[in-house]
Amino acid sequence: MEDGISTSLLDQQEALLSYLSGAGRLLVAFSGGVDSSYLAWAARRALGRDALAVTAVSPSYPKAHREMAEQIAREFDIAHQFVETHEMDQVSYRRNAPDRCYHCKTELFVRMEQLLGELEFDALAYGINLDDRSDHRPGHRAAAEHRVLSPLMEVGLDKAGIRLLSREAGLPCWDLPASACLASRLPYGTEVTSQRLKQVEEGEDRLRGLGFRQVRLRHHGEVARVEIDPEEIREGLSAEKMEAISAAIKPLGFRWVCIDVDGYRTGSLNDALLSPMTPASLLTIEPS
């Protein structure tokens, strides 16, 4: 053991570095989240300047994520480039069917493939980990179609291991709450619009400003459903805190604000995929 890091986990890191060393010149999809940051760090260590971290810029990408990506690239001397993606131009993305992430990731990987040719790089990689196999993630299909490498999964790293290794590496995001694009806050079938994404982003910023660490604002039209980490709920929400939540969120254009008593959980809107009350038309995925 080294500072709480098991030998087997360090062996996985060495396997990752070895895998990356043989990948050639590599573009890494880099959101500034835990997984992609660790992958970008490892690629920099294995490949030096033959690794380039690529961050998408679009209305669905929170400003806080962009700032974290910039900070990590600067502090760890990671070659970094922003690219604009235009998933909002696609009806197939805006209609917000359960395969929304497929269209978003396809847009990202197509743009990265263009860079691949322009910059004479050899391969693409992204930060899927072992735990991600158990969730509804249609973006993985896009990765397979574009032959995007999944180094973290290849060496068997899960989220807990990535957090420990990220802490060991000194990455400031190692203990950040799980993150996802802003469109994931809209129920399937609710059109993705720039206005709704702005409402969600501003709302979550305000909630964090009230002291909450892990929150989601789920956009249900005139209703803002606020998910808070169960630990924070168990500590108790005073009447004053609930009034502060309402005062922060209603001015964004919501008529009602409700607090989900089940608390925050990853992918809660995917519950609709299992509900017999969900209309079949919503769950139908159009051919791509």
Foldseek 3Di string as FASTA:
>chain_A
DPPPADPLLVVLLVVLLVVLLPQFQEEEAAQLALQSLLNLLSNCVNPPQSYEYEYEDDLQRFPVSVVSRVVSCVVSVGHYDYDYFPLVVDPLLQQQFLLNLCSVLLRVLVVVVVVCVVVVTGAYEYGDAPVVVVDSHNVVVSCVVSVHHHSRHVSHHDLVSSLVVCVVVVRPNSPAPDDDTLSLLEAQRHGDDSLSSVLFNQLVVQVVVLPARDWGFRDDDLETEIAGAQVVVVVDDDPVNVVSSCVRRVVSRHPYYHYDNVHDDPSPSCVLVVDPPNDVVRNDRDDD
